[in-house]
Amino acid sequence: MSSNKKLFIQTLGCQMNDTDSQHIQAELEKHKGYTATDKIEDADLIIINTCSVREKPVQKLFSEIGQFNKKKKEGAKIGVCGCTASHLGHDIIKRAPYVDFVVGARNISKIKDVVDVKGSVEVSIDNDESTYEFSTAKTNQYRASVNISVGCDKKCTYCIVPSTRGEEISIPPEMIVEQVRKSVALGAVEVMLLGQNVNSYGRRFSDNREKYTFTKLLQDVSKVEGLKRIRFTSPHPLHMDDDFIEEFARNEKISKCIHMPLQSGSTEILKAMKRGYTKEWFLNRASKMRELIPNLRITTDIIVAFPGETQKDFEDTLDVVNQVKFDQIFNFKYSPRPGTEALNLADKEIPDEIGSARLIELIELHKRHLEDTMPTYVGKTLNVLVESLKPNGEVCGFTDSYLQVFTKGSDELLGKFVDVKITEATRTSLKGEIIS
């Protein structure tokens, strides 16, 4: 479809939002003739794909769309998509009448139908997109993101996602494998499988077929010829059974970096969060993986100062961090979120100064661990997939265990695997010289 219409998308939040934005762009390009632009002022359609997990997401949303309204050219449309759109629905247009349409996180497939309908609001969390075949997005040439499920069945008390994305439904495995094949045919050598809880995959399909495990999906995806690496996020510690861990360890295509969201090291706080596992279970799973995979990197999420967290609870978190020695931690200080069960714990909220002090202590502990571990890579030779060109004559890529590596190079290295001898290390990345 030939057109001069320009589309600008701003994406907030998680990797699933990134993939949703890719789907939005691909759908509008195929069905409505839009092409992407990175300049708001040139856009005929401006979309903000929202996140309800971030702090003060509602204030953030209306601030952003207010700025968009000031910058947009005459006649340009504004659309709001994503989780905050699911949460607020019609209220968005009531508060900001210049918004043309609202599409919730569970309704991305409807974007082509609502884009030309002023005042349209599609936010049902019961909509089933699990068998909808989205148009192919043209983004990172070497890495593809593939959703394997929609929604979430967990009831974590701090999280609003289940009420914005609906109940969990798995995308049929044959559709996932076919999408991976198409991506590889377009040049991808790595795939990222995405879901709110990837390892609960296969418990429910919209066509009521038999259950099917995430471990089996990993095996089937790894059979795609030309695919070199498989990543996924996020697995839930509760569902990391021995079959999954053993497949993770022996399957050479699976990246040896795993995100294990701890959230808290205290069994009591984990119970209050409704996470479903204990401190001991988490440590057991991490220990088994470290034992089977010597070069494994483990990343995590941690919330400090959850309502009711005592000093002993916080020390349990520090204890887990000291034992596992995470390779990356996404640290957060608890803050209330509308629509979450944890709002009922307001009388147990931790004073801000205590929460801030705990956050700083956790960050400093993790820094010390990285200062010990990252220099151990100096002198080693690592295989790196080169993904991007930097302005200073360097290229950047990632190892199988998702270490970021910089080295001198040009665009002819993009998409290639190279061996790099590491010469320098910081807390967050490595630098080296190509030896082959």
Protein backbone atom coordinates (compact mmCIF):
# COMPACT_ATOMS: atom_id res chain seq x y z
CA MET A 1 0.00 0.00 0.00
CA SER A 2 1.53 3.29 -1.07
CA SER A 3 1.12 6.27 1.24
CA ASN A 4 2.92 9.27 2.68
CA LYS A 5 1.28 8.93 6.11
CA LYS A 6 3.79 8.93 8.96
CA LEU A 7 3.52 7.09 12.29
CA PHE A 8 5.34 7.97 15.52
CA ILE A 9 5.19 5.53 18.47
CA GLN A 10 6.51 6.13 21.97
CA THR A 11 6.82 2.93 23.98
CA LEU A 12 6.95 2.81 27.76
CA GLY A 13 7.58 -0.22 29.94
CA CYS A 14 8.45 -3.83 29.31
CA GLN A 15 9.65 -5.95 26.38
CA MET A 16 6.10 -7.12 25.75
CA ASN A 17 5.18 -3.49 25.17
CA ASP A 18 8.06 -3.23 22.71
CA THR A 19 6.68 -6.22 20.82
CA ASP A 20 3.15 -4.77 20.94
CA SER A 21 4.52 -1.57 19.40
CA GLN A 22 6.16 -3.63 16.66
CA HIS A 23 2.79 -5.26 15.98
CA ILE A 24 1.04 -1.88 15.91
CA GLN A 25 3.57 -0.52 13.45
CA ALA A 26 3.41 -3.60 11.22
CA GLU A 27 -0.40 -3.70 11.23
CA LEU A 28 -0.71 -0.01 10.36
CA GLU A 29 1.95 -0.27 7.68
CA LYS A 30 0.28 -3.25 6.02
CA HIS A 31 -3.38 -2.25 6.33
CA LYS A 32 -3.29 1.56 6.46
CA GLY A 33 -0.13 2.54 4.60
CA TYR A 34 1.73 4.22 7.46
CA THR A 35 5.52 4.40 7.57
CA ALA A 36 7.50 5.04 10.75
CA THR A 37 9.09 8.36 11.68
CA ASP A 38 11.14 9.37 14.72
CA LYS A 39 9.96 13.00 14.53
CA ILE A 40 6.69 13.84 16.28
CA GLU A 41 6.29 16.99 14.20
CA ASP A 42 6.21 14.97 10.95
CA ALA A 43 3.71 12.36 12.17
CA ASP A 44 0.16 12.05 10.92
CA LEU A 45 -0.51 9.59 13.74
CA ILE A 46 1.08 9.68 17.20
CA ILE A 47 0.69 6.69 19.52
CA ILE A 48 1.85 6.31 23.10
CA ASN A 49 2.03 2.69 24.21
CA THR A 50 1.63 2.90 27.96
CA CYS A 51 2.82 0.99 31.01
CA SER A 52 0.85 0.69 34.25
CA VAL A 53 3.77 -0.71 36.24
CA ARG A 54 5.86 2.45 36.25
CA GLU A 55 5.53 4.90 39.13
CA LYS A 56 2.68 7.41 38.70
CA PRO A 57 1.67 5.97 35.30
CA VAL A 58 -1.51 8.06 35.04
CA GLN A 59 0.28 11.37 35.62
CA LYS A 60 2.99 10.26 33.20
CA LEU A 61 0.42 9.45 30.53
CA PHE A 62 -1.45 12.76 30.62
CA SER A 63 1.78 14.71 30.76
CA GLU A 64 3.05 12.89 27.67
CA ILE A 65 -0.11 13.23 25.60
CA GLY A 66 -0.35 16.90 26.57
CA GLN A 67 3.12 17.45 25.17
CA PHE A 68 2.23 15.48 22.04
CA ASN A 69 -0.84 17.65 21.51
CA LYS A 70 1.31 20.77 21.63
CA LYS A 71 3.91 19.40 19.20
CA LYS A 72 1.71 17.63 16.66
CA LYS A 73 1.07 19.10 13.27
CA GLU A 74 -2.42 20.25 12.30
CA GLY A 75 -4.73 17.32 11.61
CA ALA A 76 -2.50 14.69 13.23
CA LYS A 77 -4.21 12.04 15.36
CA ILE A 78 -3.24 10.85 18.84
CA GLY A 79 -3.88 7.31 20.06
CA VAL A 80 -3.26 5.74 23.47
CA CYS A 81 -2.50 2.01 23.73
CA GLY A 82 -1.21 -0.44 26.32
CA CYS A 83 -1.83 -1.28 29.97
CA THR A 84 -2.77 2.16 31.26
CA ALA A 85 -5.18 2.39 28.33
CA SER A 86 -6.76 -0.88 29.52
CA HIS A 87 -7.01 0.51 33.04
CA LEU A 88 -8.49 3.94 32.25
CA GLY A 89 -10.43 3.31 29.03
CA HIS A 90 -13.03 6.02 28.28
CA ASP A 91 -11.62 8.25 31.05
CA ILE A 92 -8.64 9.05 28.85
CA ILE A 93 -10.80 10.74 26.21
CA LYS A 94 -12.91 12.42 28.90
CA ARG A 95 -9.79 13.99 30.42
CA ALA A 96 -8.03 14.62 27.11
CA PRO A 97 -10.64 15.10 24.35
CA TYR A 98 -7.90 15.57 21.74
CA VAL A 99 -7.10 11.84 22.03
CA ASP A 100 -8.66 10.16 18.99
CA PHE A 101 -8.79 6.53 20.15
CA VAL A 102 -7.84 4.18 22.98
CA VAL A 103 -6.71 0.56 22.53
CA GLY A 104 -5.96 -1.71 25.51
CA ALA A 105 -3.09 -4.17 25.79
CA ARG A 106 -5.38 -7.10 24.98
CA ASN A 107 -6.77 -5.45 21.83
CA ILE A 108 -3.74 -4.63 19.67
CA SER A 109 -5.15 -6.60 16.72
CA LYS A 110 -7.98 -4.03 16.48
CA ILE A 111 -5.64 -1.10 15.80
CA LYS A 112 -6.34 -1.05 12.06
CA ASP A 113 -10.08 -0.90 12.72
CA VAL A 114 -10.10 1.94 15.27
CA VAL A 115 -7.42 4.24 13.86
CA ASP A 116 -9.94 6.04 11.65
CA VAL A 117 -12.83 6.04 14.15
CA LYS A 118 -12.78 9.17 16.30
CA GLY A 119 -13.56 8.40 19.95
CA SER A 120 -13.16 4.64 19.60
CA VAL A 121 -12.28 2.75 22.80
CA GLU A 122 -11.36 -0.96 22.74
CA VAL A 123 -10.13 -2.16 26.13
CA SER A 124 -11.76 -5.54 26.85
CA ILE A 125 -9.45 -7.82 28.81
CA ASP A 126 -11.48 -10.81 27.64
CA ASN A 127 -10.51 -10.33 23.99
CA ASP A 128 -8.59 -13.36 22.70
CA GLU A 129 -5.72 -12.53 20.35
CA SER A 130 -3.88 -15.81 20.90
CA THR A 131 -4.56 -17.08 17.36
CA TYR A 132 -4.38 -13.74 15.54
CA GLU A 133 -1.54 -13.67 13.01
CA PHE A 134 0.05 -10.25 13.27
CA SER A 135 1.84 -8.70 10.33
CA THR A 136 5.61 -9.19 10.45
CA ALA A 137 7.44 -6.30 12.09
CA LYS A 138 10.69 -5.04 10.61
CA THR A 139 12.84 -4.04 13.59
CA ASN A 140 16.14 -5.50 14.81
CA GLN A 141 17.42 -7.49 11.86
CA TYR A 142 19.33 -9.99 13.97
CA ARG A 143 16.97 -10.52 16.92
CA ALA A 144 13.24 -11.21 16.86
CA SER A 145 10.74 -10.98 19.72
CA VAL A 146 7.90 -13.48 19.74
CA ASN A 147 4.99 -13.47 22.19
CA ILE A 148 4.13 -16.97 23.40
CA SER A 149 1.14 -16.06 25.57
CA VAL A 150 -1.18 -13.22 26.44
CA GLY A 151 -2.37 -12.28 29.91
CA CYS A 152 -1.39 -13.49 33.36
CA ASP A 153 -3.05 -15.82 35.89
CA LYS A 154 -0.88 -14.80 38.84
CA LYS A 155 -2.27 -12.58 41.57
CA CYS A 156 0.87 -10.85 42.87
CA THR A 157 -0.44 -8.25 45.29
CA TYR A 158 1.79 -5.42 44.00
CA CYS A 159 0.96 -5.92 40.31
CA ILE A 160 -1.85 -4.56 38.13
CA VAL A 161 -0.94 -6.54 34.98
CA PRO A 162 -3.59 -9.30 35.36
CA SER A 163 -6.34 -6.66 35.41
CA THR A 164 -4.96 -4.93 32.30
CA ARG A 165 -3.95 -7.95 30.19
CA GLY A 166 -6.56 -10.49 31.31
CA GLU A 167 -6.29 -14.21 31.99
CA GLU A 168 -3.39 -16.16 30.53
CA ILE A 169 -3.91 -17.87 27.18
CA SER A 170 -1.07 -19.57 25.32
CA ILE A 171 -0.44 -18.95 21.65
CA PRO A 172 -0.48 -22.26 19.71
CA PRO A 173 3.04 -23.72 19.44
CA GLU A 174 2.83 -24.17 15.67
CA MET A 175 2.15 -20.42 15.29
CA ILE A 176 5.15 -19.60 17.47
CA VAL A 177 7.48 -21.92 15.55
CA GLU A 178 6.24 -20.52 12.23
CA GLN A 179 6.85 -16.95 13.38
CA VAL A 180 10.37 -17.93 14.44
CA ARG A 181 10.95 -19.49 11.00
CA LYS A 182 9.77 -16.32 9.27
CA SER A 183 12.04 -14.18 11.44
CA VAL A 184 15.04 -16.38 10.69
CA ALA A 185 14.23 -16.18 6.97
CA LEU A 186 14.41 -12.37 7.34
CA GLY A 187 17.87 -12.59 8.92
CA ALA A 188 17.29 -13.11 12.63
CA VAL A 189 19.75 -15.42 14.37
CA GLU A 190 18.32 -14.93 17.86
CA VAL A 191 14.77 -15.05 19.19
CA MET A 192 13.34 -13.70 22.44
CA LEU A 193 10.25 -15.58 23.66
CA LEU A 194 7.99 -13.33 25.69
CA GLY A 195 5.25 -13.91 28.25
CA GLN A 196 4.28 -12.68 31.69
CA ASN A 197 5.23 -16.14 33.05
CA VAL A 198 6.81 -18.06 30.18
CA ASN A 199 7.23 -21.34 32.02
CA SER A 200 3.54 -21.63 32.77
CA TYR A 201 3.11 -21.79 28.98
CA GLY A 202 0.72 -24.40 27.62
CA ARG A 203 -1.72 -24.71 30.53
CA ARG A 204 -4.58 -23.09 28.60
CA PHE A 205 -5.26 -22.64 24.87
CA SER A 206 -8.32 -20.99 23.35
CA ASP A 207 -9.10 -24.14 21.35
CA ASN A 208 -9.00 -26.34 24.48
CA ARG A 209 -6.23 -28.54 23.13
CA GLU A 210 -4.16 -30.69 25.45
CA LYS A 211 -1.65 -29.10 27.81
CA TYR A 212 1.84 -28.51 26.45
CA THR A 213 4.91 -27.49 28.43
CA PHE A 214 7.32 -24.61 28.01
CA THR A 215 10.14 -27.16 28.01
CA LYS A 216 8.56 -28.81 24.95
CA LEU A 217 8.21 -25.42 23.26
CA LEU A 218 11.91 -24.73 23.81
CA GLN A 219 12.72 -28.07 22.19
CA ASP A 220 10.49 -27.36 19.19
CA VAL A 221 11.77 -23.81 18.66
CA SER A 222 15.38 -25.00 18.86
CA LYS A 223 14.76 -27.25 15.83
CA VAL A 224 14.35 -24.21 13.53
CA GLU A 225 17.28 -24.26 11.10
CA GLY A 226 19.40 -21.13 11.12
CA LEU A 227 18.38 -20.10 14.62
CA LYS A 228 21.47 -19.71 16.79
CA ARG A 229 20.16 -18.42 20.12
CA ILE A 230 16.99 -18.62 22.19
CA ARG A 231 16.25 -16.21 25.02
CA PHE A 232 13.08 -15.83 27.04
CA THR A 233 11.57 -13.69 29.77
CA SER A 234 10.31 -13.96 32.35
CA PRO A 235 10.16 -17.38 33.95
CA HIS A 236 8.45 -17.67 37.34
CA PRO A 237 10.62 -19.30 40.03
CA LEU A 238 7.63 -21.38 41.21
CA HIS A 239 7.46 -23.22 37.86
CA MET A 240 11.18 -23.91 37.42
CA ASP A 241 10.92 -27.69 37.70
CA ASP A 242 13.79 -30.11 37.11
CA ASP A 243 12.73 -30.89 33.52
CA PHE A 244 12.91 -27.19 32.64
CA ILE A 245 16.27 -26.67 34.35
CA GLU A 246 17.80 -29.74 32.70
CA GLU A 247 16.58 -28.69 29.24
CA PHE A 248 17.93 -25.19 29.87
CA ALA A 249 21.32 -26.67 30.78
CA ARG A 250 21.72 -29.14 27.90
CA ASN A 251 20.13 -27.23 24.99
CA GLU A 252 23.02 -25.46 23.30
CA LYS A 253 20.78 -22.92 21.58
CA ILE A 254 19.38 -21.57 24.86
CA SER A 255 21.26 -18.50 26.09
CA LYS A 256 22.91 -19.18 29.42
CA CYS A 257 21.44 -16.13 31.08
CA ILE A 258 18.20 -16.41 33.00
CA HIS A 259 15.99 -13.80 34.63
CA MET A 260 14.71 -15.10 37.98
CA PRO A 261 12.50 -12.46 39.62
CA LEU A 262 13.15 -12.82 43.35
CA GLN A 263 11.11 -9.77 44.51
CA SER A 264 11.99 -10.53 48.17
CA GLY A 265 14.25 -12.92 50.02
CA SER A 266 11.83 -13.19 52.93
CA THR A 267 9.39 -16.11 52.89
CA GLU A 268 6.94 -14.02 54.92
CA ILE A 269 7.04 -11.13 52.44
CA LEU A 270 6.83 -13.54 49.50
CA LYS A 271 3.66 -14.90 51.08
CA ALA A 272 2.26 -11.38 51.44
CA MET A 273 3.14 -10.77 47.78
CA LYS A 274 1.41 -14.05 46.80
CA ARG A 275 4.48 -15.23 44.91
CA GLY A 276 3.91 -18.91 45.74
CA TYR A 277 7.48 -19.91 46.64
CA THR A 278 9.79 -19.62 49.62
CA LYS A 279 13.30 -18.31 50.13
CA GLU A 280 14.52 -21.90 50.33
CA TRP A 281 12.85 -22.89 47.04
CA PHE A 282 14.40 -19.95 45.21
CA LEU A 283 17.87 -20.73 46.57
CA ASN A 284 17.44 -24.41 45.65
CA ARG A 285 16.52 -23.59 42.06
CA ALA A 286 19.36 -21.08 41.66
CA SER A 287 21.86 -23.51 43.18
CA LYS A 288 20.78 -26.35 40.87
CA MET A 289 21.19 -24.12 37.84
CA ARG A 290 24.61 -22.85 38.94
CA GLU A 291 25.68 -26.46 39.50
CA LEU A 292 24.63 -27.58 36.01
CA ILE A 293 25.78 -24.43 34.16
CA PRO A 294 29.12 -23.06 35.40
CA ASN A 295 29.00 -19.98 33.12
CA LEU A 296 25.39 -19.10 33.98
CA ARG A 297 24.41 -15.48 34.56
CA ILE A 298 21.34 -14.84 36.73
CA THR A 299 19.46 -11.55 36.72
CA THR A 300 16.57 -10.57 38.97
CA ASP A 301 13.99 -8.04 40.18
CA ILE A 302 13.83 -7.00 43.82
CA ILE A 303 11.30 -4.81 45.63
CA VAL A 304 12.42 -3.38 48.97
CA ALA A 305 10.17 -1.90 51.66
CA PHE A 306 7.06 -3.86 50.71
CA PRO A 307 4.38 -3.19 53.36
CA GLY A 308 5.20 -5.06 56.55
CA GLU A 309 8.87 -5.67 55.64
CA THR A 310 10.88 -5.86 58.86
CA GLN A 311 14.63 -5.43 59.17
CA LYS A 312 14.87 -9.24 59.42
CA ASP A 313 12.89 -9.59 56.18
CA PHE A 314 15.25 -7.16 54.45
CA GLU A 315 18.27 -9.06 55.79
CA ASP A 316 16.80 -12.23 54.25
CA THR A 317 16.85 -10.44 50.89
CA LEU A 318 20.48 -9.42 51.41
CA ASP A 319 21.26 -13.03 52.33
CA VAL A 320 19.82 -14.33 49.04
CA VAL A 321 21.76 -11.66 47.12
CA ASN A 322 24.96 -12.72 48.89
CA GLN A 323 24.35 -16.39 48.14
CA VAL A 324 23.23 -16.14 44.51
CA LYS A 325 25.43 -13.16 43.57
CA PHE A 326 23.13 -11.94 40.82
CA ASP A 327 24.76 -10.62 37.68
CA GLN A 328 22.18 -7.86 37.31
CA ILE A 329 19.49 -6.57 39.64
CA PHE A 330 16.58 -4.33 38.76
CA ASN A 331 15.98 -2.69 42.13
CA PHE A 332 12.74 -0.98 43.12
CA LYS A 333 11.42 0.68 46.25
CA TYR A 334 7.80 -0.28 46.78
CA SER A 335 5.21 2.32 45.85
CA PRO A 336 1.44 1.82 45.84
CA ARG A 337 -0.28 1.10 42.52
CA PRO A 338 -3.98 1.72 41.86
CA GLY A 339 -5.99 -1.45 41.47
CA THR A 340 -3.56 -3.70 43.35
CA GLU A 341 -4.32 -5.79 46.42
CA ALA A 342 -1.34 -4.33 48.26
CA LEU A 343 -3.26 -1.06 48.61
CA ASN A 344 -5.07 -2.81 51.46
CA LEU A 345 -1.76 -2.92 53.35
CA ALA A 346 -1.48 0.87 53.65
CA ASP A 347 -1.29 0.63 57.46
CA LYS A 348 1.86 -1.48 57.09
CA GLU A 349 3.71 0.79 54.66
CA ILE A 350 7.37 1.42 55.43
CA PRO A 351 8.50 5.02 56.06
CA ASP A 352 10.09 6.50 52.96
CA GLU A 353 13.43 7.20 54.61
CA ILE A 354 13.75 3.55 55.70
CA GLY A 355 12.81 2.29 52.23
CA SER A 356 15.34 4.61 50.59
CA ALA A 357 18.09 3.50 52.97
CA ARG A 358 17.37 -0.16 52.26
CA LEU A 359 17.41 0.45 48.52
CA ILE A 360 20.80 2.16 48.75
CA GLU A 361 22.21 -0.66 50.87
CA LEU A 362 21.03 -3.25 48.34
CA ILE A 363 22.47 -1.31 45.41
CA GLU A 364 25.83 -0.90 47.14
CA LEU A 365 25.99 -4.63 47.96
CA HIS A 366 25.33 -5.52 44.34
CA LYS A 367 27.97 -3.05 43.15
CA ARG A 368 30.55 -4.80 45.33
CA HIS A 369 29.61 -8.16 43.83
CA LEU A 370 30.02 -6.80 40.29
CA GLU A 371 33.36 -5.24 41.19
CA ASP A 372 34.49 -8.74 42.17
CA THR A 373 32.99 -10.71 39.27
CA MET A 374 33.31 -8.52 36.18
CA PRO A 375 37.15 -8.27 36.22
CA THR A 376 37.33 -12.09 36.09
CA TYR A 377 36.38 -11.86 32.40
CA VAL A 378 39.55 -9.92 31.53
CA GLY A 379 41.86 -12.15 29.51
CA LYS A 380 39.07 -14.49 28.45
CA THR A 381 37.89 -14.92 24.86
CA LEU A 382 34.13 -14.61 24.39
CA ASN A 383 31.93 -15.21 21.35
CA VAL A 384 29.89 -12.10 20.58
CA LEU A 385 26.97 -11.40 18.23
CA VAL A 386 27.60 -7.88 16.90
CA GLU A 387 24.33 -5.94 16.87
CA SER A 388 24.97 -2.21 16.69
CA LEU A 389 27.39 0.41 15.42
CA LYS A 390 28.62 3.10 17.80
CA PRO A 391 29.70 6.61 16.75
CA ASN A 392 33.25 6.26 18.12
CA GLY A 393 34.40 3.55 15.71
CA GLU A 394 33.22 0.75 17.98
CA VAL A 395 30.59 -1.94 17.61
CA CYS A 396 28.53 -3.45 20.39
CA GLY A 397 27.16 -6.92 20.87
CA PHE A 398 26.24 -9.59 23.39
CA THR A 399 27.68 -12.93 24.42
CA ASP A 400 25.62 -16.10 24.80
CA SER A 401 25.22 -15.24 28.49
CA TYR A 402 24.12 -11.72 27.57
CA LEU A 403 27.22 -9.82 28.58
CA GLN A 404 27.52 -6.54 26.70
CA VAL A 405 30.82 -6.23 24.84
CA PHE A 406 32.35 -3.29 22.96
CA THR A 407 35.15 -3.58 20.42
CA LYS A 408 36.65 -1.67 17.50
CA GLY A 409 34.84 -2.47 14.28
CA SER A 410 32.72 -1.32 11.37
CA ASP A 411 29.27 -2.04 9.95
CA GLU A 412 30.56 -5.07 8.05
CA LEU A 413 30.53 -6.93 11.39
CA LEU A 414 26.83 -6.37 12.05
CA GLY A 415 24.96 -9.63 12.44
CA LYS A 416 28.14 -11.68 12.68
CA PHE A 417 29.55 -13.78 15.52
CA VAL A 418 33.12 -12.82 16.42
CA ASP A 419 35.58 -13.94 19.10
CA VAL A 420 36.66 -11.08 21.34
CA LYS A 421 39.52 -11.19 23.85
CA ILE A 422 38.45 -9.08 26.83
CA THR A 423 40.88 -6.34 27.88
CA GLU A 424 38.76 -4.11 30.12
CA ALA A 425 35.78 -4.50 32.46
CA THR A 426 33.34 -2.15 34.15
CA ARG A 427 30.43 -3.08 36.41
CA THR A 428 28.06 -3.21 33.44
CA SER A 429 30.05 -4.08 30.30
CA LEU A 430 33.25 -5.39 28.78
CA LYS A 431 35.66 -4.16 26.12
CA GLY A 432 38.07 -6.20 24.03
CA GLU A 433 39.83 -6.94 20.77
CA ILE A 434 38.57 -9.15 17.96
CA ILE A 435 40.80 -12.18 17.42
CA SER A 436 38.73 -13.89 14.73
